[in-house]
Amino acid sequence: MSRETSRESTNSQILAEASEWLIEFETGEPDSDTRREFDDWLRQSPEHVRAYLGLLPLWKQGAVAKFSRDQGPESLIAYANTEGNVVALTGSAQSGKRSRTRTRWRAAMAATIAFAVVGGLFAWREFHAPLYTTGIGEQRSVLLPDGSTLELNARSRVRIEFTEKQRGIDLLQGQALFHVVADAHRPFVVSVDTLSVRAVGTQFDVNRRASGTVVTVVEGRVSILEPSSSGGADASRKSFLSAGEQVTVSPDPANQPRQSRTADAAAATAWTQRRLVFDASTLSEVVEEFNRYNVRPIKIVDASLDGFPITGSFSSTDSASLLRFLEAQPGVQVTTADDEIRVALRK
């Protein structure tokens, strides 16, 4: 085997392994053992890091975006083979440490991604859009290239994409607190779907909830650009928030307009101290927050309890404090099982 042939085989092997890791982290909740394996794999070679980071934007914007896990592997492979510059993989699609119980659709997805990358679709964005994630109960602090920092709450994901004209953050899941270094020539923009929060030098919190995105300004001022309920390709509107103000933006523009309100910034950022502070919050919102920190989730059995108001301060890592509070409420019953905690109307 020639040196060039050996190199191509090695590169294909790395891309195949990187593809499998991408599928693992983008579609599931990896356990601690899996995360350690992934860390070991990254440390084996800079080529592993380069391949994995290069694949990240392809997952979001590239050729495989139109497929779902419900589609069979045959359709994925067929699609990959229709792309130009396809090079067949010569290496095994699994490393020695990886489990051999992968489902067929994951293997096909990994192969499709690797085919596209070998065709040259990822090289121009190497190291351009790193992804940071946290698991259940995990928090982390990230120092960004410009000196800004972000505090990432549990069960959260952000994608970082800095350019010469803009510092971009895509909040894919969860919550983050941003400490932004001023740069008048490069605005700092946090995106949640079609919502954009823009700042120059400030501190603000963005919480992506099921019911809507909550933006709280701790210091400085931000602008918020969101779709308008009037519709149209260019239909959007801008509003401003100052320190001590908060707004919740619904994912449905028809639920607007809405107004900013005075916020308790210390309460909104108490999660950084492992505290959760609620002021007339609904039980569904409270449960969503607690489930970021506890392996055994809380489930509301009766929908009529979703809007049950909760006011109080709790330890985020001690769900028992919330459960004791709920058990003391008339008409509420709490049942603990091995896999979940159920909250229902008392019979």
Protein backbone atom coordinates (compact mmCIF):
# COMPACT_ATOMS: atom_id res chain seq x y z
CA MET A 1 0.00 0.00 0.00
CA SER A 2 1.40 3.42 -0.97
CA ARG A 3 1.81 6.22 1.52
CA GLU A 4 -0.96 8.27 -0.16
CA THR A 5 -3.35 5.31 -0.11
CA SER A 6 -2.59 4.73 3.55
CA ARG A 7 -3.23 8.40 4.32
CA GLU A 8 -6.59 8.38 2.51
CA SER A 9 -7.61 5.27 4.44
CA THR A 10 -6.60 6.87 7.74
CA ASN A 11 -8.49 10.09 6.96
CA SER A 12 -11.61 8.13 6.02
CA GLN A 13 -11.37 6.20 9.27
CA ILE A 14 -11.14 9.41 11.31
CA LEU A 15 -14.10 10.94 9.48
CA ALA A 16 -16.17 7.82 10.06
CA GLU A 17 -15.37 7.85 13.78
CA ALA A 18 -16.05 11.60 14.03
CA SER A 19 -19.40 11.06 12.29
CA GLU A 20 -20.44 8.45 14.83
CA TRP A 21 -19.52 10.73 17.72
CA LEU A 22 -21.53 13.55 16.12
CA ILE A 23 -24.62 11.35 15.88
CA GLU A 24 -24.13 10.23 19.48
CA PHE A 25 -24.06 13.75 20.90
CA GLU A 26 -26.56 15.45 18.58
CA THR A 27 -29.37 12.91 18.92
CA GLY A 28 -29.13 11.58 22.48
CA GLU A 29 -28.10 12.14 26.08
CA PRO A 30 -24.64 10.53 26.42
CA ASP A 31 -23.79 9.14 29.85
CA SER A 32 -20.58 9.90 31.75
CA ASP A 33 -18.77 6.82 30.38
CA THR A 34 -19.55 7.86 26.81
CA ARG A 35 -18.31 11.40 27.49
CA ARG A 36 -15.03 10.01 28.89
CA GLU A 37 -14.59 7.82 25.80
CA PHE A 38 -15.19 10.84 23.59
CA ASP A 39 -12.65 12.90 25.55
CA ASP A 40 -10.06 10.11 25.18
CA TRP A 41 -10.74 9.94 21.44
CA LEU A 42 -10.25 13.69 21.00
CA ARG A 43 -6.95 13.61 22.90
CA GLN A 44 -5.51 10.89 20.67
CA SER A 45 -4.82 13.27 17.78
CA PRO A 46 -5.38 16.86 16.62
CA GLU A 47 -6.84 15.30 13.47
CA HIS A 48 -9.68 13.92 15.60
CA VAL A 49 -10.49 17.42 16.90
CA ARG A 50 -10.26 18.92 13.40
CA ALA A 51 -12.57 16.30 11.90
CA TYR A 52 -15.21 16.58 14.63
CA LEU A 53 -15.35 20.38 14.62
CA GLY A 54 -15.53 20.40 10.84
CA LEU A 55 -18.59 18.15 10.90
CA LEU A 56 -20.64 20.29 13.29
CA PRO A 57 -21.87 22.92 10.80
CA LEU A 58 -22.64 20.21 8.26
CA TRP A 59 -25.10 18.59 10.67
CA LYS A 60 -27.06 21.83 10.93
CA GLN A 61 -26.80 23.20 7.40
CA GLY A 62 -25.50 20.44 5.18
CA ALA A 63 -26.74 17.61 3.03
CA VAL A 64 -28.15 15.41 5.78
CA ALA A 65 -30.42 18.06 7.31
CA LYS A 66 -33.44 16.89 5.35
CA PHE A 67 -33.34 13.38 6.79
CA SER A 68 -34.79 12.12 10.07
CA ARG A 69 -34.11 9.03 12.12
CA ASP A 70 -37.38 7.56 10.82
CA GLN A 71 -35.96 7.21 7.30
CA GLY A 72 -34.19 3.99 6.53
CA PRO A 73 -30.44 3.72 5.94
CA GLU A 74 -30.96 2.77 2.30
CA SER A 75 -32.39 6.22 1.47
CA LEU A 76 -29.49 7.94 3.24
CA ILE A 77 -26.85 5.92 1.44
CA ALA A 78 -28.61 6.40 -1.89
CA TYR A 79 -28.62 10.14 -1.31
CA ALA A 80 -24.94 10.16 -0.40
CA ASN A 81 -24.08 8.29 -3.60
CA THR A 82 -25.82 10.95 -5.72
CA GLU A 83 -23.52 13.71 -4.43
CA GLY A 84 -20.53 14.80 -6.45
CA ASN A 85 -16.96 13.87 -5.51
CA VAL A 86 -18.01 10.89 -3.40
CA VAL A 87 -15.14 8.80 -2.13
CA ALA A 88 -15.86 5.38 -0.65
CA LEU A 89 -14.75 4.77 2.92
CA THR A 90 -12.07 2.12 3.22
CA GLY A 91 -11.85 1.93 6.98
CA SER A 92 -14.14 0.49 9.59
CA ALA A 93 -16.86 2.87 10.79
CA GLN A 94 -16.27 1.96 14.43
CA SER A 95 -13.29 2.39 16.74
CA GLY A 96 -12.12 -0.44 18.97
CA LYS A 97 -13.76 1.06 22.04
CA ARG A 98 -17.10 1.81 20.44
CA SER A 99 -20.05 -0.43 21.04
CA ARG A 100 -21.06 -2.79 18.21
CA THR A 101 -24.74 -2.41 18.98
CA ARG A 102 -25.23 0.75 16.90
CA THR A 103 -28.49 0.86 15.01
CA ARG A 104 -28.38 0.71 11.20
CA TRP A 105 -29.73 4.22 10.75
CA ARG A 106 -26.89 5.70 12.80
CA ALA A 107 -24.30 3.89 10.74
CA ALA A 108 -25.94 5.16 7.54
CA MET A 109 -26.12 8.72 8.84
CA ALA A 110 -22.44 8.56 9.81
CA ALA A 111 -21.53 7.26 6.37
CA THR A 112 -23.57 9.99 4.66
CA ILE A 113 -21.86 12.73 6.64
CA ALA A 114 -18.43 11.29 5.96
CA PHE A 115 -19.14 10.99 2.22
CA ALA A 116 -20.12 14.65 2.05
CA VAL A 117 -17.11 15.79 4.03
CA VAL A 118 -14.67 13.81 1.90
CA GLY A 119 -16.30 15.61 -1.03
CA GLY A 120 -14.94 18.86 0.38
CA LEU A 121 -17.94 20.41 2.13
CA PHE A 122 -16.42 21.00 5.55
CA ALA A 123 -12.81 22.13 5.10
CA TRP A 124 -13.64 25.83 4.68
CA ARG A 125 -15.32 25.96 8.09
CA GLU A 126 -12.75 24.08 10.17
CA PHE A 127 -12.74 25.26 13.80
CA HIS A 128 -15.32 27.91 12.86
CA ALA A 129 -18.39 26.89 14.85
CA PRO A 130 -17.53 24.96 18.03
CA LEU A 131 -20.40 23.49 20.03
CA TYR A 132 -20.55 23.56 23.84
CA THR A 133 -22.95 21.33 25.76
CA THR A 134 -23.85 20.44 29.34
CA GLY A 135 -25.60 17.36 30.70
CA ILE A 136 -28.10 16.90 33.51
CA GLY A 137 -26.99 18.91 36.55
CA GLU A 138 -23.82 20.10 34.80
CA GLN A 139 -22.79 23.74 34.46
CA ARG A 140 -19.75 25.20 32.76
CA SER A 141 -18.06 28.52 32.08
CA VAL A 142 -16.67 29.24 28.60
CA LEU A 143 -14.11 31.93 27.76
CA LEU A 144 -14.84 33.17 24.24
CA PRO A 145 -12.17 34.28 21.73
CA ASP A 146 -12.95 37.99 22.26
CA GLY A 147 -12.61 37.80 26.05
CA SER A 148 -16.34 37.60 26.69
CA THR A 149 -17.61 34.73 28.83
CA LEU A 150 -20.75 32.65 28.96
CA GLU A 151 -22.11 30.63 31.85
CA LEU A 152 -23.95 27.59 30.53
CA ASN A 153 -26.76 26.11 32.60
CA ALA A 154 -27.55 22.41 32.85
CA ARG A 155 -28.90 20.57 29.77
CA SER A 156 -27.90 23.40 27.46
CA ARG A 157 -26.21 23.71 24.06
CA VAL A 158 -24.67 26.69 22.30
CA ARG A 159 -22.89 27.02 18.97
CA ILE A 160 -20.23 29.73 18.62
CA GLU A 161 -19.56 31.42 15.28
CA PHE A 162 -17.38 34.51 15.29
CA THR A 163 -16.65 36.41 12.08
CA GLU A 164 -14.90 39.68 11.26
CA LYS A 165 -18.24 41.52 11.40
CA GLN A 166 -20.21 39.73 14.14
CA ARG A 167 -19.82 37.61 17.25
CA GLY A 168 -22.57 35.03 16.90
CA ILE A 169 -24.02 32.63 19.47
CA ASP A 170 -26.76 30.15 18.63
CA LEU A 171 -28.59 28.99 21.77
CA LEU A 172 -29.86 25.59 20.67
CA GLN A 173 -31.14 24.45 24.06
CA GLY A 174 -31.33 25.58 27.67
CA GLN A 175 -30.01 28.75 29.29
CA ALA A 176 -26.90 30.91 29.28
CA LEU A 177 -25.65 34.05 31.03
CA PHE A 178 -23.45 36.27 28.87
CA HIS A 179 -20.76 38.74 30.04
CA VAL A 180 -19.97 40.67 26.86
CA VAL A 181 -16.78 42.64 26.20
CA ALA A 182 -17.54 45.87 24.35
CA ASP A 183 -16.66 45.98 20.66
CA ALA A 184 -18.50 48.65 18.67
CA HIS A 185 -17.37 47.18 15.37
CA ARG A 186 -18.49 43.61 16.09
CA PRO A 187 -21.89 43.30 17.77
CA PHE A 188 -22.55 40.30 19.99
CA VAL A 189 -25.70 38.50 18.76
CA VAL A 190 -27.46 35.60 20.50
CA SER A 191 -29.97 33.75 18.30
CA VAL A 192 -32.86 31.52 19.39
CA ASP A 193 -34.56 30.29 16.24
CA THR A 194 -35.81 33.51 14.57
CA LEU A 195 -35.22 35.68 17.66
CA SER A 196 -32.00 37.72 17.92
CA VAL A 197 -30.64 39.51 21.00
CA ARG A 198 -27.94 42.03 20.16
CA ALA A 199 -25.49 43.69 22.55
CA VAL A 200 -22.18 45.53 22.41
CA GLY A 201 -20.96 45.46 26.00
CA THR A 202 -23.38 44.19 28.61
CA GLN A 203 -24.50 41.29 30.79
CA PHE A 204 -27.71 39.43 30.07
CA ASP A 205 -29.39 36.05 30.52
CA VAL A 206 -31.28 34.08 27.86
CA ASN A 207 -33.48 31.18 28.92
CA ARG A 208 -34.98 29.05 26.15
CA ARG A 209 -38.16 27.56 27.62
CA ALA A 210 -40.90 25.52 25.99
CA SER A 211 -43.36 28.39 26.52
CA GLY A 212 -41.05 31.08 25.17
CA THR A 213 -37.60 32.65 25.39
CA VAL A 214 -36.95 34.79 28.48
CA VAL A 215 -34.38 37.60 28.12
CA THR A 216 -33.19 39.38 31.28
CA VAL A 217 -30.73 42.30 31.18
CA VAL A 218 -28.43 42.50 34.21
CA GLU A 219 -26.19 45.35 33.01
CA GLY A 220 -26.21 47.62 29.97
CA ARG A 221 -28.74 47.50 27.15
CA VAL A 222 -29.69 45.07 24.40
CA SER A 223 -31.86 45.19 21.29
CA ILE A 224 -34.25 42.38 20.41
CA LEU A 225 -35.17 41.58 16.82
CA GLU A 226 -38.12 39.23 16.37
CA PRO A 227 -40.61 38.22 13.69
CA SER A 228 -43.70 40.38 13.42
CA SER A 229 -47.19 38.91 13.59
CA SER A 230 -47.98 40.80 10.36
CA GLY A 231 -45.99 38.22 8.40
CA GLY A 232 -43.93 38.73 5.26
CA ALA A 233 -40.33 37.96 4.42
CA ASP A 234 -39.00 41.19 5.94
CA ALA A 235 -41.60 41.47 8.69
CA SER A 236 -39.72 41.95 11.93
CA ARG A 237 -39.56 44.45 14.73
CA LYS A 238 -36.94 45.76 17.10
CA SER A 239 -37.32 46.62 20.76
CA PHE A 240 -34.86 47.53 23.50
CA LEU A 241 -34.25 46.30 27.05
CA SER A 242 -32.24 48.07 29.73
CA ALA A 243 -30.70 46.81 32.96
CA GLY A 244 -33.33 45.40 35.30
CA GLU A 245 -35.81 44.65 32.52
CA GLN A 246 -37.06 41.30 31.26
CA VAL A 247 -39.22 40.07 28.40
CA THR A 248 -40.64 36.71 27.34
CA VAL A 249 -40.91 36.18 23.60
CA SER A 250 -43.36 33.50 22.48
CA PRO A 251 -42.29 31.15 19.66
CA ASP A 252 -45.61 32.07 18.00
CA PRO A 253 -45.64 35.70 16.76
CA ALA A 254 -49.45 35.63 16.92
CA ASN A 255 -49.19 35.62 20.74
CA GLN A 256 -47.65 39.07 20.67
CA PRO A 257 -47.47 42.03 21.18
CA ARG A 258 -45.94 41.92 24.65
CA GLN A 259 -44.20 44.46 26.90
CA SER A 260 -41.05 44.39 28.95
CA ARG A 261 -41.36 44.21 32.72
CA THR A 262 -39.22 44.96 35.71
CA ALA A 263 -37.10 41.96 36.65
CA ASP A 264 -35.20 40.76 39.69
CA ALA A 265 -31.84 40.17 38.02
CA ALA A 266 -30.48 38.34 41.06
CA ALA A 267 -33.39 35.90 40.94
CA ALA A 268 -33.04 35.39 37.18
CA THR A 269 -29.36 34.48 37.54
CA ALA A 270 -29.62 32.59 40.84
CA TRP A 271 -29.12 29.35 38.90
CA THR A 272 -25.42 30.17 38.71
CA GLN A 273 -25.40 29.67 42.50
CA ARG A 274 -27.41 26.45 42.26
CA ARG A 275 -30.59 28.21 43.38
CA LEU A 276 -33.94 28.46 41.58
CA VAL A 277 -36.10 31.44 42.50
CA PHE A 278 -39.73 31.63 41.36
CA ASP A 279 -42.26 34.45 41.66
CA ALA A 280 -45.77 33.27 40.74
CA SER A 281 -44.29 30.93 38.14
CA THR A 282 -46.43 28.11 36.78
CA LEU A 283 -45.80 24.56 37.94
CA SER A 284 -44.96 23.54 34.37
CA GLU A 285 -42.22 26.19 34.24
CA VAL A 286 -40.90 25.12 37.64
CA VAL A 287 -40.81 21.45 36.64
CA GLU A 288 -38.99 22.31 33.40
CA GLU A 289 -36.28 24.08 35.40
CA PHE A 290 -35.89 21.30 37.98
CA ASN A 291 -35.67 18.60 35.32
CA ARG A 292 -32.44 20.16 34.09
CA TYR A 293 -30.72 19.08 37.27
CA ASN A 294 -32.20 15.74 38.30
CA VAL A 295 -31.80 12.33 36.68
CA ARG A 296 -35.25 11.26 37.84
CA PRO A 297 -37.63 13.73 36.13
CA ILE A 298 -40.79 15.23 37.60
CA LYS A 299 -43.91 14.66 35.50
CA ILE A 300 -47.21 16.53 35.82
CA VAL A 301 -49.90 13.89 35.38
CA ASP A 302 -52.96 16.17 35.41
CA ALA A 303 -52.81 19.04 32.92
CA SER A 304 -55.01 21.13 35.21
CA LEU A 305 -51.96 21.53 37.48
CA ASP A 306 -49.76 23.05 34.74
CA GLY A 307 -50.71 26.58 35.75
CA PHE A 308 -50.47 25.99 39.51
CA PRO A 309 -48.60 29.08 40.85
CA ILE A 310 -45.28 28.60 42.65
CA THR A 311 -43.41 31.22 44.63
CA GLY A 312 -40.26 30.38 46.53
CA SER A 313 -36.53 29.71 46.51
CA PHE A 314 -35.20 26.16 46.13
CA SER A 315 -31.93 24.32 45.73
CA SER A 316 -31.65 23.27 42.08
CA THR A 317 -29.91 20.03 43.02
CA ASP A 318 -32.44 19.05 45.70
CA SER A 319 -35.77 18.22 44.11
CA ALA A 320 -36.99 17.01 47.51
CA SER A 321 -37.35 20.64 48.61
CA LEU A 322 -39.87 21.26 45.83
CA LEU A 323 -41.64 17.95 46.44
CA ARG A 324 -42.10 18.76 50.13
CA PHE A 325 -43.61 22.09 49.12
CA LEU A 326 -46.02 20.40 46.69
CA GLU A 327 -47.02 17.71 49.17
CA ALA A 328 -48.05 20.45 51.59
CA GLN A 329 -50.45 21.96 49.05
CA PRO A 330 -54.11 20.93 49.35
CA GLY A 331 -55.36 18.78 46.52
CA VAL A 332 -51.88 17.83 45.26
CA GLN A 333 -50.46 14.31 45.42
CA VAL A 334 -46.82 13.38 44.82
CA THR A 335 -45.89 9.80 43.94
CA THR A 336 -42.28 8.64 43.64
CA ALA A 337 -41.37 5.80 41.27
CA ASP A 338 -38.04 4.38 40.15
CA ASP A 339 -37.98 6.23 36.84
CA GLU A 340 -39.96 9.41 37.56
CA ILE A 341 -41.82 11.51 40.12
CA ARG A 342 -45.51 12.07 39.36
CA VAL A 343 -47.49 15.12 40.47
CA ALA A 344 -51.26 14.68 40.25
CA LEU A 345 -54.53 15.86 41.73
CA ARG A 346 -55.26 14.18 45.03
CA LYS A 347 -58.05 11.62 44.63
